[in-house]
Protein backbone atom coordinates (compact mmCIF):
# COMPACT_ATOMS: atom_id res chain seq x y z
CA MET A 1 5.20 0.79 13.05
CA TYR A 2 7.27 4.06 13.65
CA LEU A 3 9.75 2.31 16.01
CA LEU A 4 10.28 -0.51 13.45
CA ALA A 5 10.85 2.18 10.91
CA HIS A 6 13.39 3.80 12.95
CA ALA A 7 15.16 0.40 13.53
CA ALA A 8 15.12 -0.01 9.65
CA TRP A 9 16.93 3.44 9.50
CA LEU A 10 19.52 2.50 11.92
CA VAL A 11 20.10 -0.77 10.31
CA ILE A 12 20.22 0.94 6.84
CA PRO A 13 20.88 4.51 7.38
CA SER A 14 19.36 5.73 3.97
CA TYR A 15 15.81 6.95 3.65
CA ARG A 16 15.49 4.91 0.28
CA TRP A 17 16.99 1.71 0.93
CA MET A 18 15.82 1.45 4.37
CA ASN A 19 12.76 0.08 2.65
CA LEU A 20 14.63 -3.19 2.03
CA LEU A 21 14.11 -4.29 5.56
CA PRO A 22 10.33 -4.31 5.62
CA CYS A 23 10.28 -6.14 2.43
CA LEU A 24 12.54 -8.66 3.63
CA VAL A 25 10.06 -9.22 6.72
CA LEU A 26 7.48 -9.47 4.13
CA TYR A 27 9.26 -11.99 1.95
CA ALA A 28 10.40 -14.01 5.16
CA GLY A 29 6.97 -14.28 6.32
CA LEU A 30 5.70 -15.62 2.61
CA ALA A 31 8.58 -17.98 2.46
CA VAL A 32 7.57 -19.45 5.97
CA PHE A 33 3.74 -19.84 4.58
CA LEU A 34 4.45 -21.14 1.27
CA PHE A 35 6.92 -23.76 2.92
CA ALA A 36 4.10 -24.70 4.80
CA ILE A 37 1.53 -25.30 1.83
CA THR A 38 3.33 -26.35 -1.26
CA PRO A 39 3.82 -29.94 -0.30
CA LEU A 40 0.17 -30.11 -0.35
CA PHE A 41 0.46 -29.35 -4.11
CA ARG A 42 2.03 -32.61 -5.90
CA GLU A 43 1.61 -31.30 -9.54
CA ARG A 44 4.05 -28.60 -11.19
CA ARG A 45 1.76 -26.20 -13.21
CA PRO A 46 -0.77 -25.36 -10.21
CA LEU A 47 2.27 -25.09 -8.05
CA LEU A 48 3.75 -22.54 -10.43
CA VAL A 49 0.40 -20.76 -10.59
CA LEU A 50 0.42 -20.75 -6.81
CA LEU A 51 4.09 -19.39 -6.79
CA PHE A 52 3.40 -16.86 -9.33
CA ILE A 53 0.48 -15.47 -7.63
CA ALA A 54 1.64 -15.59 -4.04
CA THR A 55 4.95 -14.05 -4.68
CA LEU A 56 4.96 -11.81 -7.97
CA HIS A 57 1.48 -10.45 -7.86
CA PRO A 58 2.01 -6.68 -8.91
CA GLU A 59 0.21 -5.53 -5.93
CA LEU A 60 2.44 -7.50 -3.52
CA LEU A 61 5.43 -5.89 -5.23
CA LEU A 62 3.98 -2.45 -5.29
CA TRP A 63 3.48 -2.31 -1.40
CA SER A 64 6.17 -4.52 -0.14
CA ASN A 65 8.86 -1.90 -0.04
CA THR A 66 7.54 0.51 2.26
CA PHE A 67 8.35 1.23 5.78
CA ARG A 68 4.64 1.82 6.72
CA TRP A 69 2.80 -0.86 8.61
CA TYR A 70 1.95 -3.12 5.52
CA SER A 71 4.96 -5.16 5.09
CA TRP A 72 5.77 -5.75 8.68
CA TRP A 73 2.18 -6.60 9.36
CA THR A 74 1.55 -8.80 6.34
CA GLY A 75 4.56 -10.99 6.99
CA LEU A 76 4.12 -11.65 10.75
CA ALA A 77 0.47 -12.39 9.91
CA LEU A 78 1.57 -15.13 7.21
CA ILE A 79 4.10 -16.49 9.96
CA THR A 80 0.81 -16.30 12.31
CA LEU A 81 -1.20 -18.48 9.93
CA ALA A 82 1.39 -21.17 9.62
CA VAL A 83 1.74 -21.27 13.25
CA VAL A 84 -2.05 -21.64 13.93
CA LEU A 85 -3.28 -23.68 11.06
CA GLN A 86 -0.43 -26.03 10.75
CA PRO A 87 -0.92 -27.02 6.87
CA GLN A 88 1.32 -30.03 6.85
CA ILE A 89 -0.18 -31.86 9.78
CA GLU A 90 -2.97 -34.02 8.99
CA MET A 91 -4.75 -33.96 12.43
CA PRO A 92 -3.35 -30.55 14.22
CA SER A 93 -3.72 -29.91 17.81
CA LEU A 94 -2.83 -27.04 20.10
CA GLY A 95 -0.76 -27.39 23.01
CA TRP A 96 -0.03 -24.77 25.67
CA ALA A 97 3.29 -23.49 24.10
CA ARG A 98 1.71 -22.97 20.85
CA SER A 99 -1.28 -21.17 22.46
CA LEU A 100 1.13 -18.80 24.02
CA ALA A 101 3.17 -18.22 20.75
CA ILE A 102 -0.31 -17.38 19.16
CA GLY A 103 -1.15 -14.98 21.77
CA ILE A 104 2.23 -12.98 21.35
CA LEU A 105 1.78 -12.91 17.47
CA LEU A 106 -1.41 -11.64 17.53
CA ALA A 107 -0.58 -9.08 20.21
CA ALA A 108 2.30 -7.70 18.06
CA LEU A 109 -0.09 -7.71 15.04
CA PHE A 110 -2.36 -5.64 17.15
CA TYR A 111 0.41 -3.13 17.99
CA LEU A 112 1.08 -2.64 14.02
CA ASN A 113 -2.31 -2.03 12.93
CA TYR A 114 -5.91 -2.42 14.31
CA ILE A 115 -7.00 -4.26 11.27
CA THR A 116 -5.59 -7.29 13.33
CA LEU A 117 -9.16 -7.52 14.88
CA LEU A 118 -10.90 -8.34 11.88
CA PHE A 119 -7.87 -10.69 11.15
CA ILE A 120 -8.71 -12.44 14.60
CA LEU A 121 -12.37 -13.11 13.73
CA ALA A 122 -11.46 -14.36 10.46
CA LEU A 123 -8.69 -16.67 11.84
CA ALA A 124 -11.28 -17.73 14.54
CA THR A 125 -13.49 -18.98 11.67
CA ALA A 126 -10.67 -20.88 9.98
CA MET A 127 -9.56 -22.52 13.25
CA LEU A 128 -13.04 -23.71 14.06
CA LEU A 129 -12.77 -25.69 10.86
CA ARG A 130 -9.28 -26.81 10.97
CA TYR A 131 -9.56 -27.94 14.59
CA ARG A 132 -13.14 -29.59 14.24
CA PHE A 133 -11.80 -33.08 15.55
CA VAL A 134 -10.16 -31.59 18.65
CA ALA A 135 -12.78 -31.87 21.51
CA ARG A 136 -14.66 -28.91 22.16
CA SER A 137 -13.47 -28.28 25.90
CA GLU A 138 -9.87 -28.70 24.97
CA LEU A 139 -10.03 -26.10 21.98
CA LEU A 140 -11.67 -23.77 24.60
CA ARG A 141 -9.23 -24.02 27.02
CA HIS A 142 -6.62 -23.26 24.63
CA ALA A 143 -8.42 -20.39 23.03
CA ALA A 144 -9.14 -18.94 26.53
CA ALA A 145 -5.46 -19.05 27.08
CA VAL A 146 -4.81 -17.22 23.82
CA VAL A 147 -7.31 -14.52 24.38
CA ALA A 148 -5.64 -14.08 28.12
CA VAL A 149 -2.10 -13.84 26.72
CA PHE A 150 -3.30 -11.30 23.70
CA GLY A 151 -5.56 -9.43 26.17
CA LEU A 152 -2.75 -8.95 28.60
CA LEU A 153 -0.41 -7.70 26.23
CA ILE A 154 -2.60 -4.99 24.42
CA ALA A 155 -4.25 -3.75 27.77
CA SER A 156 -1.77 -0.64 27.32
CA GLN A 157 -2.90 -0.02 23.92
CA LEU A 158 -6.68 -0.25 24.18
CA HIS A 159 -7.00 3.36 25.69
CA THR A 160 -4.96 4.94 22.57
CA MET A 161 -7.09 2.67 20.23
CA VAL A 162 -10.38 3.98 22.01
CA VAL A 163 -9.44 7.77 22.60
CA ALA A 164 -7.00 8.61 19.73
CA GLN A 165 -7.66 5.76 16.60
CA LEU A 166 -11.49 5.35 16.69
CA HIS A 167 -12.17 9.08 16.62
CA TYR A 168 -10.75 9.01 13.08
CA ALA A 169 -11.74 5.90 11.95
CA SER A 170 -14.78 7.45 9.97
CA ALA A 171 -12.37 8.90 7.50
CA GLU A 172 -10.64 5.52 6.52
CA ARG A 173 -14.14 4.05 5.64
CA VAL A 174 -16.04 3.93 2.34
CA ARG A 175 -19.39 2.57 1.49
CA ILE A 176 -19.70 -1.28 1.09
CA LEU A 177 -20.19 -1.27 -2.86
CA ALA A 178 -17.01 1.22 -3.08
CA SER A 179 -15.25 -0.90 -0.56
CA ALA A 180 -15.80 -4.30 -2.47
CA VAL A 181 -15.01 -2.58 -6.02
CA ARG A 182 -11.88 -1.22 -4.85
CA LEU A 183 -10.66 -4.18 -3.03
CA SER A 184 -11.42 -6.51 -5.65
CA GLU A 185 -9.53 -4.23 -8.15
CA GLY A 186 -6.64 -4.27 -6.27
CA LEU A 187 -6.42 -8.11 -5.20
CA ILE A 188 -6.95 -9.04 -9.10
CA ALA A 189 -5.87 -6.46 -11.30
CA SER A 190 -3.74 -4.70 -8.89
CA GLU A 191 -2.89 -1.19 -8.57
CA ALA A 192 0.07 -1.30 -10.81
CA TYR A 193 -2.58 -1.08 -13.61
CA LEU A 194 -5.01 1.27 -14.49
CA PRO A 195 -8.49 -0.18 -14.48
CA TRP A 196 -8.87 0.51 -18.33
CA HIS A 197 -5.38 -1.33 -19.33
CA PRO A 198 -5.98 -4.12 -21.48
CA LEU A 199 -4.19 -6.59 -19.15
CA ALA A 200 -6.29 -5.58 -16.25
CA ILE A 201 -9.37 -6.19 -18.24
CA LEU A 202 -7.93 -9.63 -19.21
CA VAL A 203 -7.08 -10.57 -15.92
CA TRP A 204 -10.48 -9.74 -14.69
CA LEU A 205 -12.12 -12.00 -17.16
CA PHE A 206 -9.59 -14.48 -16.82
CA PHE A 207 -10.34 -15.03 -13.12
CA LEU A 208 -14.23 -14.62 -13.64
CA ALA A 209 -13.91 -17.44 -16.48
CA LEU A 210 -11.65 -19.74 -14.18
CA GLY A 211 -14.05 -19.48 -11.58
CA ALA A 212 -17.13 -20.30 -13.65
CA TYR A 213 -15.26 -23.17 -15.25
CA GLY A 214 -14.61 -24.66 -11.59
CA MET A 215 -17.96 -24.40 -10.48
CA VAL A 216 -19.51 -26.03 -13.54
CA GLN A 217 -16.66 -28.78 -13.30
CA PHE A 218 -17.58 -29.12 -9.52
CA ALA A 219 -21.57 -29.16 -10.18
CA HIS A 220 -21.29 -31.78 -13.04
CA ARG A 221 -18.76 -34.05 -11.17
CA THR A 222 -19.55 -37.81 -10.04
CA GLU A 223 -17.85 -39.64 -7.48
CA SER A 224 -16.94 -42.48 -9.83
CA GLN A 225 -15.53 -40.27 -12.67
CA TYR A 226 -14.12 -37.26 -11.32
CA ARG A 227 -10.97 -36.75 -9.02
CA PRO A 228 -9.60 -33.22 -9.06
CA PRO A 229 -5.78 -33.15 -9.97
CA VAL A 230 -5.22 -31.16 -7.13
CA GLU A 231 -7.02 -32.11 -3.86
CA CYS A 232 -8.32 -29.42 -1.51
CA SER A 233 -7.04 -30.62 1.96
CA PRO A 234 -8.63 -29.65 5.18
CA ALA A 235 -5.63 -27.35 5.63
CA LEU A 236 -6.30 -25.74 2.22
CA ARG A 237 -10.12 -25.43 3.01
CA SER A 238 -9.41 -23.54 6.52
CA ILE A 239 -7.09 -21.03 4.63
CA THR A 240 -9.63 -20.50 2.08
CA VAL A 241 -12.26 -19.94 4.74
CA LEU A 242 -10.00 -17.60 6.28
CA GLY A 243 -9.30 -15.60 3.31
CA VAL A 244 -13.04 -15.27 2.26
CA ALA A 245 -13.93 -14.38 5.54
CA LEU A 246 -11.14 -11.68 6.07
CA PHE A 247 -12.37 -10.32 2.50
CA VAL A 248 -15.75 -9.88 3.50
CA MET A 249 -15.01 -8.35 6.59
CA VAL A 250 -12.73 -5.73 5.08
CA VAL A 251 -15.45 -4.99 2.51
CA LEU A 252 -18.24 -4.59 5.15
CA ALA A 253 -16.15 -2.58 7.56
CA GLY A 254 -15.67 -0.30 4.48
CA LEU A 255 -11.83 -0.40 4.65
CA GLY A 256 -11.45 -1.99 0.97
CA ASN A 257 -10.86 1.65 -0.49
CA LYS A 258 -6.94 0.73 0.32
CA PRO A 259 -6.49 -2.73 -0.91
CA ARG A 260 -2.96 -2.44 0.46
CA SER A 261 -4.54 -2.89 3.76
CA ALA A 262 -5.23 -6.78 2.89
CA ILE A 263 -2.39 -7.79 0.85
CA VAL A 264 -2.04 -10.65 2.89
CA LEU A 265 -5.26 -11.84 1.05
CA LEU A 266 -2.91 -12.59 -2.10
CA PRO A 267 -0.97 -15.50 -0.82
CA VAL A 268 -3.94 -16.46 1.06
CA LEU A 269 -6.19 -16.87 -1.60
CA ALA A 270 -3.41 -18.08 -4.37
CA PRO A 271 -4.30 -21.71 -3.46
CA VAL A 272 -7.82 -21.49 -4.73
CA ALA A 273 -6.82 -20.02 -7.95
CA ALA A 274 -4.23 -22.74 -8.49
CA ILE A 275 -6.50 -25.47 -7.35
CA ALA A 276 -9.05 -24.15 -10.06
CA SER A 277 -6.11 -24.12 -12.39
CA SER A 278 -5.55 -27.91 -12.12
CA ARG A 279 -8.92 -28.64 -13.46
CA LEU A 280 -7.73 -27.21 -17.04
CA ARG A 281 -6.22 -29.07 -19.68
CA ILE A 282 -2.46 -29.09 -20.11
CA ARG A 283 -2.39 -26.56 -22.75
CA ALA A 284 -4.65 -24.26 -20.58
CA GLN A 285 -2.37 -24.44 -17.98
CA ASN A 286 0.49 -23.63 -20.11
CA ALA A 287 -0.98 -20.62 -21.52
CA LEU A 288 -2.28 -19.53 -18.08
CA LEU A 289 1.22 -19.47 -16.97
CA LEU A 290 2.60 -17.69 -19.77
CA PHE A 291 -0.51 -15.18 -19.44
CA LEU A 292 0.58 -14.73 -15.56
CA ALA A 293 4.24 -14.13 -16.57
CA LEU A 294 3.15 -11.48 -18.94
CA TRP A 295 0.77 -9.70 -16.68
CA SER A 296 3.26 -9.65 -13.49
CA GLY A 297 6.15 -8.59 -16.03
CA VAL A 298 4.05 -5.68 -17.31
CA GLY A 299 3.13 -4.66 -13.73
CA ILE A 300 6.74 -4.94 -12.58
CA ALA A 301 7.66 -2.65 -15.45
CA HIS A 302 4.94 -0.03 -14.42
CA ILE A 303 6.35 -0.08 -10.78
CA LEU A 304 10.00 0.54 -11.85
CA GLY A 305 9.08 3.01 -14.43
CA ARG A 306 6.47 4.83 -12.39
CA TYR A 307 3.93 5.12 -14.96
CA GLY A 308 0.29 3.68 -15.34
CA LEU A 309 -0.30 3.24 -11.78
CA ALA A 310 -3.64 3.46 -10.16
CA LYS A 311 -1.94 5.11 -7.29
CA ALA A 312 -1.56 8.58 -8.64
CA THR A 313 1.00 10.00 -6.44
CA MET A 314 3.31 7.28 -7.45
CA ASP A 315 3.42 8.55 -10.96
CA ASP A 316 5.07 11.72 -9.49
CA ARG A 317 8.58 12.68 -10.86
CA PRO A 318 10.17 14.99 -8.67
CA GLU A 319 13.37 14.57 -9.96
CA GLN A 320 12.22 16.71 -13.29
CA VAL A 321 12.00 19.61 -10.85
CA VAL A 322 15.31 18.87 -9.27
CA ARG A 323 17.01 18.81 -12.75
CA PHE A 324 15.37 21.89 -13.49
CA LEU A 325 16.68 23.76 -10.32
CA GLN A 326 20.15 22.53 -11.31
CA HIS A 327 20.25 24.03 -14.59
CA ASP A 328 17.98 27.37 -13.93
CA ARG A 329 19.36 28.68 -10.52
CA GLY A 330 22.60 30.13 -11.98
CA SER A 331 25.39 30.99 -9.64
CA GLY A 332 23.24 32.93 -6.91
CA CYS A 333 21.25 31.80 -3.94
CA ALA A 334 18.01 29.78 -4.61
CA ILE A 335 15.18 29.21 -2.43
CA VAL A 336 12.67 26.84 -3.12
CA ALA A 337 9.21 26.98 -1.46
CA THR A 338 7.14 23.57 -1.83
CA TYR A 339 4.32 21.51 0.44
CA ASP A 340 5.03 18.49 -1.41
CA MET A 341 6.67 15.89 0.72
CA GLY A 342 8.09 13.83 -2.06
CA LEU A 343 9.59 16.80 -3.44
CA ALA A 344 11.02 17.95 -0.34
CA PHE A 345 12.78 14.38 -0.11
CA ALA A 346 14.00 14.91 -3.68
CA LEU A 347 15.50 18.28 -2.77
CA ARG A 348 17.04 17.18 0.54
CA GLU A 349 18.59 14.20 -0.93
CA ALA A 350 20.04 16.16 -3.89
CA HIS A 351 22.14 18.36 -1.74
CA LEU A 352 22.06 21.42 -4.24
CA PRO A 353 24.49 24.26 -3.03
CA ASN A 354 23.27 27.63 -2.20
CA VAL A 355 19.78 26.30 -2.19
CA GLU A 356 17.41 26.71 0.61
CA GLU A 357 14.64 24.48 0.81
CA LEU A 358 11.35 25.48 2.60
CA SER A 359 8.55 23.14 3.29
CA ALA A 360 5.01 23.26 4.50
CA ALA A 361 3.96 20.26 6.67
CA ASP A 362 0.94 19.55 9.21
CA GLY A 363 1.91 20.38 12.82
CA LEU A 364 4.91 23.02 11.82
CA ALA A 365 2.73 25.88 11.05
CA SER A 366 3.72 27.82 14.43
CA GLN A 367 7.46 27.77 13.33
CA SER A 368 8.97 30.34 11.05
CA ALA A 369 10.98 29.90 7.78
CA ALA A 370 14.94 30.65 8.59
CA LEU A 371 16.03 32.01 5.33
CA PRO A 372 19.89 32.93 4.27
CA GLN A 373 21.42 36.12 5.47
CA THR A 374 21.21 38.94 2.88
CA ALA A 375 24.89 39.33 3.21
CA THR A 376 25.73 35.82 1.91
CA CYS A 377 23.60 36.44 -1.26
CA THR A 378 24.61 38.95 -4.26
CA SER A 379 21.69 37.34 -6.33
CA ALA A 380 18.85 35.39 -5.57
CA ARG A 381 16.02 33.43 -7.44
CA LEU A 382 12.61 32.29 -5.82
CA TYR A 383 10.92 29.04 -6.71
CA LEU A 384 7.48 28.51 -5.62
CA VAL A 385 6.29 24.78 -6.06
CA ARG A 386 2.36 24.32 -6.47
CA SER A 387 1.33 20.59 -6.35
CA TYR A 388 -1.69 18.54 -5.91
CA LEU A 389 -2.67 17.14 -2.01
CA GLY A 390 -6.09 16.19 -2.99
CA THR A 391 -9.56 17.67 -2.69
CA GLY A 392 -10.62 18.92 0.58
CA ASN A 393 -7.21 19.12 1.94
CA GLN A 394 -7.13 21.87 4.54
CA TRP A 395 -3.37 23.07 3.81
CA THR A 396 -4.05 23.91 0.21
CA PRO A 397 -5.69 27.30 0.44
CA PRO A 398 -3.30 28.97 3.14
CA VAL A 399 -0.25 27.68 1.60
CA ASN A 400 -1.31 28.30 -2.07
CA THR A 401 -2.54 31.88 -0.77
CA GLU A 402 1.31 32.45 0.97
CA GLU A 403 2.93 31.47 -2.36
CA GLU A 404 1.08 34.12 -4.27
CA ASP A 405 2.01 36.58 -1.79
CA ALA A 406 5.50 35.49 -1.85
CA ALA A 407 5.68 35.59 -5.64
CA GLN A 408 4.85 39.33 -5.68
CA ALA A 409 8.62 39.72 -4.55
CA ILE A 410 9.80 38.53 -8.18
CA GLU A 411 11.12 41.06 -10.30
CA GLY A 412 9.41 41.19 -13.68
CA ALA A 413 7.31 38.70 -14.83
CA PRO A 414 7.20 35.33 -13.09
CA GLN A 415 8.14 32.41 -15.26
CA ILE A 416 5.85 29.36 -15.20
CA HIS A 417 6.96 25.85 -15.60
CA ARG A 418 5.14 22.49 -15.76
CA PHE A 419 6.50 18.92 -14.52
CA SER A 420 5.49 15.40 -14.37
CA LEU A 421 2.84 15.20 -16.89
CA ASP A 422 0.12 12.77 -16.14
CA PRO A 423 -1.06 11.19 -19.79
CA ASP A 424 -4.00 9.54 -17.82
CA ALA A 425 -5.27 12.52 -15.87
CA SER A 426 -8.40 13.42 -17.97
CA ARG A 427 -9.58 9.63 -17.73
CA LYS A 428 -9.00 9.67 -13.88
CA ARG A 429 -10.97 12.70 -13.76
CA SER A 430 -13.79 11.11 -15.56
CA LEU A 431 -13.87 8.55 -12.64
CA ALA A 432 -15.51 10.93 -10.49
CA ARG A 433 -18.69 10.97 -12.45
CA LEU A 434 -19.05 7.24 -12.13
CA PRO A 435 -22.41 6.34 -10.94
CA LEU A 436 -22.70 4.80 -7.25
CA LEU A 437 -18.91 5.09 -6.80
CA GLY A 438 -18.24 8.95 -7.81
CA ARG A 439 -18.19 10.02 -4.17
CA GLU A 440 -15.49 7.56 -3.22
CA LEU A 441 -13.72 8.79 -6.19
CA GLY A 442 -14.24 12.48 -5.69
CA ASP A 443 -10.44 13.37 -5.28
CA ALA A 444 -10.03 12.32 -8.92
CA ALA A 445 -12.04 15.24 -10.13
CA SER A 446 -9.49 17.75 -9.25
CA LEU A 447 -6.56 15.59 -10.58
CA PRO A 448 -4.23 18.21 -12.67
CA ASP A 449 -2.51 17.41 -15.92
CA TYR A 450 0.56 18.36 -14.15
CA ARG A 451 1.63 17.30 -10.82
CA PHE A 452 4.16 20.48 -10.11
CA VAL A 453 3.76 23.75 -11.51
CA VAL A 454 6.94 26.12 -10.85
CA THR A 455 6.89 29.86 -10.59
CA SER A 456 9.98 31.34 -10.55
CA GLY A 457 12.02 34.67 -11.01
CA ALA A 458 14.71 36.70 -9.67
CA ILE A 459 14.31 38.66 -6.33
CA ASN A 460 16.05 41.61 -4.59
CA PRO A 461 18.18 39.53 -2.14
CA LYS A 462 17.26 42.32 0.41
CA LEU A 463 13.85 41.40 0.26
CA LEU A 464 14.60 38.05 1.89
CA SER A 465 13.23 38.84 5.07
CA VAL A 466 10.10 40.03 3.56
CA ILE A 467 9.42 36.65 2.10
CA GLU A 468 9.89 35.27 5.55
CA THR A 469 6.90 36.94 6.64
CA ARG A 470 5.17 35.83 3.64
CA LEU A 471 5.86 32.26 4.26
CA PRO A 472 4.74 31.73 7.86
CA ASP A 473 3.75 28.08 7.48
CA PHE A 474 7.18 27.11 5.80
CA VAL A 475 10.14 25.97 7.49
CA ARG A 476 13.74 25.40 6.62
CA LEU A 477 14.57 21.63 5.89
CA ARG A 478 18.29 21.97 6.30
């Protein structure tokens, strides 16, 4: 993953725009998958439902432009599905070349993230259905070839997984109920909405009603009177089985707390919603398309405007702090100490003259801050930024104590400024009191109303060396 991120930066040498490359990979994989299954939908409106959910789901848009593993893995996983399940072929078969390709693709997925193991189990379940007409002995031979290629390619990574990664696995898991609720919330309403937003509630009600209607129609059908407008082909059945199996496995593994880990389920399960919508009347289908357009459009507005998102840190506005520094620091030297990575990035990108940015980060505690020389500063101001790191973060107490010690060097009464107001902070804090889910939502209890609190004031330039000793866990960014 980090090698791919470095490659993306080499192609697009901008920490902001390099995210376009993994986004292109995700949508390239999505295009391959959709080109394979869209010919199975002959009616226009169900096809539009499929495309809306598979390409413009707010959850997919929210996490597609990140250099983390989600985009790379999801794009490659969708290509793997098209290669393995061969949706356009009525009676598919496995050849040796395809088996080799499948083993290589699965190994590449494994190197990106270990959730591939769950994906492989779900894929095997779908393959049993998809290749049920293939002779058992032939299927076993090709499966053995896939396992051999996969095992050979990942052998060097197994030691790392067992020794380094499994040790921290428990920190990523939550209880099954919380896992199911969080994953369902992300896949249905999406993290582009807070759970109490009217559209988030409506989309929940819509999918529940659509599912209930589909089941009623199925239960009361007769072979002579009922023919579905969109038939669920064997390929679509196998894709649906994979989606359901992967959903259940992610929930049972306790990994649903981060729905972004399973965004591959959005295009995989989109055909189910499309087929169910085909059973509606034409007017209902038109209303459904308008609703999906509204839901997706408002979600996109939330993402672009960075407000109303369930992922709290995405609502942060470090640019407000940067603008404040531009106007407040004066013509002398300014020293900004922060332990917020988003703000540290914004400061670095702003290239403010005569401003030294100091940041505290895990793994850098042994290094010391390198502050400006006293001779170069006729006047100086100190800015100490306190932000939210989450409940139980080991860095919060020491860095806050260091900032309090450094604040004693400020001449006169320190000035306090607050930035990045979260208008939903009070409601978010109340989530920690929910029965059965409160433990997993404990971090919400300490969410502040303002994400950044800046303590500032003038300091004697001769005391710069004193500040250096009071901020041992902060390092110079440039």
